[in-house]
N, C-alpha and C. Protein backbone atom coordinates (compact mmCIF):
# COMPACT_ATOMS: atom_id res chain seq x y z
N MET A 1 2.66 218.28 143.19
CA MET A 1 3.10 217.82 141.89
C MET A 1 4.61 217.58 141.86
N ARG A 2 5.32 218.48 142.51
CA ARG A 2 6.78 218.36 142.52
C ARG A 2 7.22 217.08 143.26
N ARG A 3 6.55 216.76 144.35
CA ARG A 3 6.87 215.55 145.11
C ARG A 3 6.63 214.31 144.26
N PHE A 4 5.56 214.30 143.49
CA PHE A 4 5.25 213.19 142.60
C PHE A 4 6.36 213.00 141.57
N LEU A 5 6.85 214.09 140.99
CA LEU A 5 7.91 214.00 139.99
C LEU A 5 9.22 213.49 140.60
N VAL A 6 9.51 213.89 141.84
CA VAL A 6 10.72 213.41 142.52
C VAL A 6 10.62 211.91 142.77
N VAL A 7 9.47 211.47 143.26
CA VAL A 7 9.26 210.03 143.50
C VAL A 7 9.34 209.26 142.18
N LEU A 8 8.73 209.79 141.14
CA LEU A 8 8.77 209.14 139.83
C LEU A 8 10.21 209.05 139.31
N LEU A 9 10.99 210.11 139.52
CA LEU A 9 12.39 210.10 139.10
C LEU A 9 13.19 209.06 139.87
N ILE A 10 12.96 208.95 141.16
CA ILE A 10 13.67 207.95 141.98
C ILE A 10 13.31 206.54 141.54
N VAL A 11 12.04 206.28 141.30
CA VAL A 11 11.61 204.95 140.83
C VAL A 11 12.21 204.65 139.46
N ALA A 12 12.22 205.64 138.57
CA ALA A 12 12.79 205.43 137.24
C ALA A 12 14.28 205.13 137.33
N LEU A 13 15.01 205.85 138.19
CA LEU A 13 16.44 205.58 138.36
C LEU A 13 16.67 204.17 138.94
N PHE A 14 15.84 203.77 139.86
CA PHE A 14 15.95 202.43 140.44
C PHE A 14 15.72 201.36 139.37
N VAL A 15 14.68 201.54 138.56
CA VAL A 15 14.36 200.58 137.50
C VAL A 15 15.49 200.54 136.48
N LEU A 16 16.01 201.69 136.08
CA LEU A 16 17.13 201.72 135.13
C LEU A 16 18.37 201.07 135.72
N GLY A 17 18.63 201.31 136.98
CA GLY A 17 19.77 200.67 137.65
C GLY A 17 19.62 199.17 137.68
N ALA A 18 18.42 198.66 137.97
CA ALA A 18 18.18 197.22 138.00
C ALA A 18 18.36 196.61 136.61
N ILE A 19 17.85 197.28 135.59
CA ILE A 19 18.01 196.78 134.22
C ILE A 19 19.48 196.77 133.83
N ALA A 20 20.22 197.83 134.18
CA ALA A 20 21.66 197.88 133.87
C ALA A 20 22.41 196.76 134.58
N TRP A 21 22.05 196.48 135.83
CA TRP A 21 22.73 195.41 136.56
C TRP A 21 22.45 194.05 135.92
N ILE A 22 21.21 193.84 135.48
CA ILE A 22 20.87 192.56 134.85
C ILE A 22 21.61 192.41 133.52
N VAL A 23 21.65 193.47 132.73
CA VAL A 23 22.27 193.40 131.41
C VAL A 23 23.80 193.40 131.49
N LEU A 24 24.35 194.27 132.32
CA LEU A 24 25.81 194.45 132.37
C LEU A 24 26.48 193.74 133.54
N GLY A 25 25.71 193.19 134.44
CA GLY A 25 26.26 192.58 135.64
C GLY A 25 26.98 191.28 135.38
N PRO A 26 27.47 190.64 136.44
CA PRO A 26 28.21 189.39 136.28
C PRO A 26 27.31 188.27 135.78
N GLY A 27 27.89 187.41 134.97
CA GLY A 27 27.13 186.27 134.45
C GLY A 27 27.04 185.15 135.48
N PRO A 28 26.25 184.12 135.21
CA PRO A 28 26.05 183.04 136.16
C PRO A 28 27.30 182.19 136.40
N LEU A 29 28.27 182.24 135.50
CA LEU A 29 29.49 181.45 135.67
C LEU A 29 30.67 182.29 136.14
N ASN A 30 30.42 183.53 136.54
CA ASN A 30 31.50 184.41 136.95
C ASN A 30 31.66 184.41 138.46
N PHE A 31 31.52 183.27 139.12
CA PHE A 31 31.62 183.21 140.56
C PHE A 31 33.06 183.06 141.04
N ALA A 32 33.95 182.59 140.18
CA ALA A 32 35.33 182.35 140.60
C ALA A 32 36.29 183.42 140.11
N GLY A 33 35.86 184.27 139.22
CA GLY A 33 36.74 185.28 138.68
C GLY A 33 37.78 184.65 137.76
N GLY A 34 38.78 185.40 137.40
CA GLY A 34 39.83 184.89 136.54
C GLY A 34 39.42 184.94 135.08
N SER A 35 40.32 184.49 134.25
CA SER A 35 40.05 184.52 132.81
C SER A 35 39.60 183.15 132.32
N ARG A 36 38.92 183.15 131.20
CA ARG A 36 38.45 181.89 130.62
C ARG A 36 39.58 181.24 129.85
N ILE A 37 39.55 179.91 129.82
CA ILE A 37 40.55 179.15 129.08
C ILE A 37 39.86 177.94 128.48
N ALA A 38 40.26 177.58 127.29
CA ALA A 38 39.69 176.40 126.64
C ALA A 38 40.16 175.15 127.39
N LEU A 39 39.30 174.17 127.49
CA LEU A 39 39.62 172.96 128.25
C LEU A 39 40.86 172.26 127.71
N GLN A 40 41.03 172.21 126.40
CA GLN A 40 42.19 171.53 125.84
C GLN A 40 43.49 172.27 126.14
N ASP A 41 43.42 173.56 126.48
CA ASP A 41 44.62 174.33 126.81
C ASP A 41 44.94 174.35 128.29
N TYR A 42 44.07 173.78 129.12
CA TYR A 42 44.26 173.80 130.57
C TYR A 42 45.36 172.84 130.96
N LYS A 43 46.36 173.32 131.71
CA LYS A 43 47.50 172.50 132.12
C LYS A 43 47.62 172.38 133.64
N GLY A 44 46.68 172.89 134.39
CA GLY A 44 46.75 172.88 135.85
C GLY A 44 46.32 171.54 136.43
N PRO A 45 46.14 171.47 137.76
CA PRO A 45 45.69 170.24 138.40
C PRO A 45 44.25 169.90 138.00
N ASP A 46 43.85 168.70 138.31
CA ASP A 46 42.51 168.23 137.96
C ASP A 46 41.45 169.15 138.57
N PRO A 47 40.62 169.80 137.77
CA PRO A 47 39.66 170.76 138.32
C PRO A 47 38.49 170.11 139.05
N THR A 48 38.34 168.80 138.97
CA THR A 48 37.21 168.15 139.63
C THR A 48 37.45 167.97 141.12
N GLY A 49 38.70 168.01 141.56
CA GLY A 49 39.01 167.82 142.97
C GLY A 49 39.10 166.37 143.38
N VAL A 50 38.95 165.45 142.46
CA VAL A 50 39.07 164.02 142.77
C VAL A 50 40.55 163.71 142.98
N PRO A 51 40.88 162.99 144.05
CA PRO A 51 42.29 162.67 144.31
C PRO A 51 42.93 161.92 143.13
N ALA A 52 44.21 162.17 142.94
CA ALA A 52 44.93 161.54 141.83
C ALA A 52 44.93 160.03 141.95
N GLY A 53 44.86 159.49 143.17
CA GLY A 53 44.84 158.05 143.37
C GLY A 53 43.61 157.37 142.80
N LEU A 54 42.55 158.13 142.55
CA LEU A 54 41.33 157.54 142.01
C LEU A 54 41.25 157.66 140.49
N ARG A 55 42.26 158.22 139.88
CA ARG A 55 42.23 158.41 138.43
C ARG A 55 42.10 157.07 137.70
N ASN A 56 42.81 156.05 138.16
CA ASN A 56 42.77 154.73 137.53
C ASN A 56 41.98 153.72 138.36
N ALA A 57 41.20 154.18 139.32
CA ALA A 57 40.43 153.29 140.19
C ALA A 57 39.24 152.71 139.44
N SER A 58 38.70 151.66 140.00
CA SER A 58 37.52 151.04 139.39
C SER A 58 36.30 151.93 139.58
N LEU A 59 35.26 151.64 138.84
CA LEU A 59 34.03 152.40 138.93
C LEU A 59 33.43 152.32 140.34
N VAL A 60 33.54 151.15 140.97
CA VAL A 60 33.01 150.97 142.32
C VAL A 60 33.78 151.84 143.32
N GLU A 61 35.10 151.86 143.22
CA GLU A 61 35.90 152.67 144.13
C GLU A 61 35.61 154.17 143.96
N ARG A 62 35.44 154.60 142.71
CA ARG A 62 35.10 156.00 142.49
C ARG A 62 33.72 156.32 143.02
N GLY A 63 32.78 155.40 142.88
CA GLY A 63 31.44 155.59 143.42
C GLY A 63 31.45 155.66 144.94
N GLN A 64 32.26 154.81 145.57
CA GLN A 64 32.37 154.86 147.03
C GLN A 64 32.93 156.20 147.48
N TYR A 65 33.91 156.71 146.77
CA TYR A 65 34.48 158.02 147.10
C TYR A 65 33.42 159.11 146.98
N LEU A 66 32.65 159.08 145.90
CA LEU A 66 31.64 160.12 145.69
C LEU A 66 30.54 160.06 146.75
N THR A 67 30.11 158.85 147.13
CA THR A 67 29.05 158.77 148.14
C THR A 67 29.55 159.24 149.50
N ARG A 68 30.83 159.03 149.81
CA ARG A 68 31.38 159.56 151.06
C ARG A 68 31.53 161.08 150.97
N ALA A 69 32.02 161.58 149.85
CA ALA A 69 32.24 163.02 149.70
C ALA A 69 30.92 163.79 149.71
N ALA A 70 29.87 163.23 149.14
CA ALA A 70 28.57 163.90 149.09
C ALA A 70 27.72 163.62 150.32
N ASP A 71 28.21 162.77 151.22
CA ASP A 71 27.50 162.43 152.45
C ASP A 71 26.11 161.85 152.17
N CYS A 72 26.05 160.94 151.20
CA CYS A 72 24.77 160.33 150.83
C CYS A 72 24.17 159.54 151.98
N GLU A 73 25.03 159.01 152.86
CA GLU A 73 24.55 158.19 153.96
C GLU A 73 23.68 158.98 154.94
N ALA A 74 23.83 160.29 154.97
CA ALA A 74 23.08 161.10 155.92
C ALA A 74 21.57 160.94 155.73
N CYS A 75 21.13 160.86 154.50
CA CYS A 75 19.69 160.74 154.23
C CYS A 75 19.28 159.36 153.77
N HIS A 76 20.22 158.57 153.32
CA HIS A 76 19.89 157.28 152.72
C HIS A 76 20.33 156.10 153.59
N THR A 77 20.28 156.25 154.91
CA THR A 77 20.59 155.16 155.84
C THR A 77 19.35 154.86 156.66
N SER A 78 19.01 153.59 156.77
CA SER A 78 17.78 153.21 157.47
C SER A 78 17.96 153.37 158.97
N ALA A 79 16.85 153.21 159.69
CA ALA A 79 16.85 153.37 161.14
C ALA A 79 17.69 152.30 161.83
N ILE A 80 17.88 151.14 161.19
CA ILE A 80 18.69 150.09 161.80
C ILE A 80 20.13 150.11 161.30
N GLY A 81 20.49 151.13 160.54
CA GLY A 81 21.87 151.32 160.14
C GLY A 81 22.26 150.72 158.81
N VAL A 82 21.31 150.21 158.03
CA VAL A 82 21.64 149.68 156.71
C VAL A 82 21.79 150.87 155.77
N MET A 83 22.98 150.98 155.17
CA MET A 83 23.27 152.17 154.37
C MET A 83 22.71 152.07 152.96
N LEU A 84 22.32 153.20 152.44
CA LEU A 84 21.91 153.42 151.06
C LEU A 84 20.67 152.65 150.63
N ILE A 85 19.77 152.31 151.57
CA ILE A 85 18.53 151.65 151.16
C ILE A 85 17.30 152.33 151.75
N SER A 86 17.47 153.41 152.41
CA SER A 86 16.37 153.97 153.17
C SER A 86 15.46 154.86 152.34
N SER A 87 14.23 154.91 152.77
CA SER A 87 13.30 155.91 152.25
C SER A 87 12.75 156.65 153.46
N MET A 88 13.65 157.20 154.23
CA MET A 88 13.31 157.86 155.48
C MET A 88 13.04 159.35 155.23
N PRO A 89 12.12 159.93 155.98
CA PRO A 89 11.95 161.38 155.87
C PRO A 89 13.16 162.09 156.47
N CYS A 90 13.60 163.13 155.84
CA CYS A 90 14.71 163.90 156.36
C CYS A 90 14.43 165.37 156.16
N THR A 91 15.04 166.20 156.97
CA THR A 91 14.79 167.63 156.91
C THR A 91 16.06 168.32 156.43
N LYS A 92 15.95 169.04 155.36
CA LYS A 92 17.06 169.83 154.80
C LYS A 92 16.52 171.21 154.47
N ALA A 93 17.21 172.22 154.90
CA ALA A 93 16.87 173.61 154.59
C ALA A 93 15.40 173.93 154.89
N SER A 94 14.97 173.54 156.06
CA SER A 94 13.62 173.79 156.58
C SER A 94 12.51 173.18 155.73
N ARG A 95 12.84 172.14 154.96
CA ARG A 95 11.82 171.42 154.21
C ARG A 95 11.88 169.95 154.61
N ARG A 96 10.75 169.30 154.58
CA ARG A 96 10.70 167.87 154.87
C ARG A 96 10.58 167.15 153.54
N MET A 97 11.45 166.19 153.29
CA MET A 97 11.40 165.43 152.05
C MET A 97 11.69 163.97 152.36
N VAL A 98 11.29 163.11 151.46
CA VAL A 98 11.56 161.69 151.59
C VAL A 98 12.66 161.33 150.61
N CYS A 99 13.74 160.77 151.13
CA CYS A 99 14.88 160.39 150.30
C CYS A 99 14.68 158.98 149.82
N GLY A 100 14.71 158.79 148.53
CA GLY A 100 14.45 157.47 147.95
C GLY A 100 15.62 156.53 148.06
N SER A 101 15.39 155.31 147.63
CA SER A 101 16.41 154.29 147.63
C SER A 101 17.37 154.54 146.48
N ILE A 102 18.67 154.31 146.71
CA ILE A 102 19.68 154.56 145.68
C ILE A 102 19.90 153.36 144.76
N PRO A 103 19.95 152.10 145.26
CA PRO A 103 20.21 150.99 144.35
C PRO A 103 19.14 150.86 143.27
N PRO A 104 19.51 150.43 142.07
CA PRO A 104 18.54 150.34 140.98
C PRO A 104 17.65 149.12 141.05
N PHE A 105 17.87 148.23 142.02
CA PHE A 105 17.05 147.02 142.14
C PHE A 105 16.05 147.20 143.26
N PRO A 106 14.88 146.51 143.20
CA PRO A 106 13.88 146.68 144.24
C PRO A 106 14.33 146.06 145.56
N ILE A 107 14.14 146.77 146.64
CA ILE A 107 14.49 146.28 147.97
C ILE A 107 13.39 146.68 148.93
N PRO A 108 13.21 145.96 150.02
CA PRO A 108 12.20 146.37 151.01
C PRO A 108 12.64 147.65 151.69
N LEU A 109 11.73 148.59 151.81
CA LEU A 109 12.04 149.85 152.45
C LEU A 109 11.65 149.80 153.92
N ILE A 110 12.51 150.30 154.76
CA ILE A 110 12.25 150.32 156.20
C ILE A 110 11.73 151.70 156.55
N ARG A 111 10.58 151.77 157.17
CA ARG A 111 10.01 153.08 157.52
C ARG A 111 9.98 153.25 159.01
């Protein structure tokens, strides 16, 4: 009986600890630390990380920058090297998925 009570006490402490961590633990946006600041009061550099040279760039130039930064070509390039039109199977994080075509207009898909 005593062993049962000890095990029950350990399980209860574990459950209470887990509940306390969920309730009192860090929130989902507390990954960077620091204090919160209202966006209108922020005076630091651009938090998006986009180079200052693209601030006044055209929409196409900003899109080209984003596709290079996100490495979209890795999954969206066809077998013959045509970029951003592929629907090729690719493997990411031990899963197999098919990456669709990016342009909004219909194009022939190369398989």
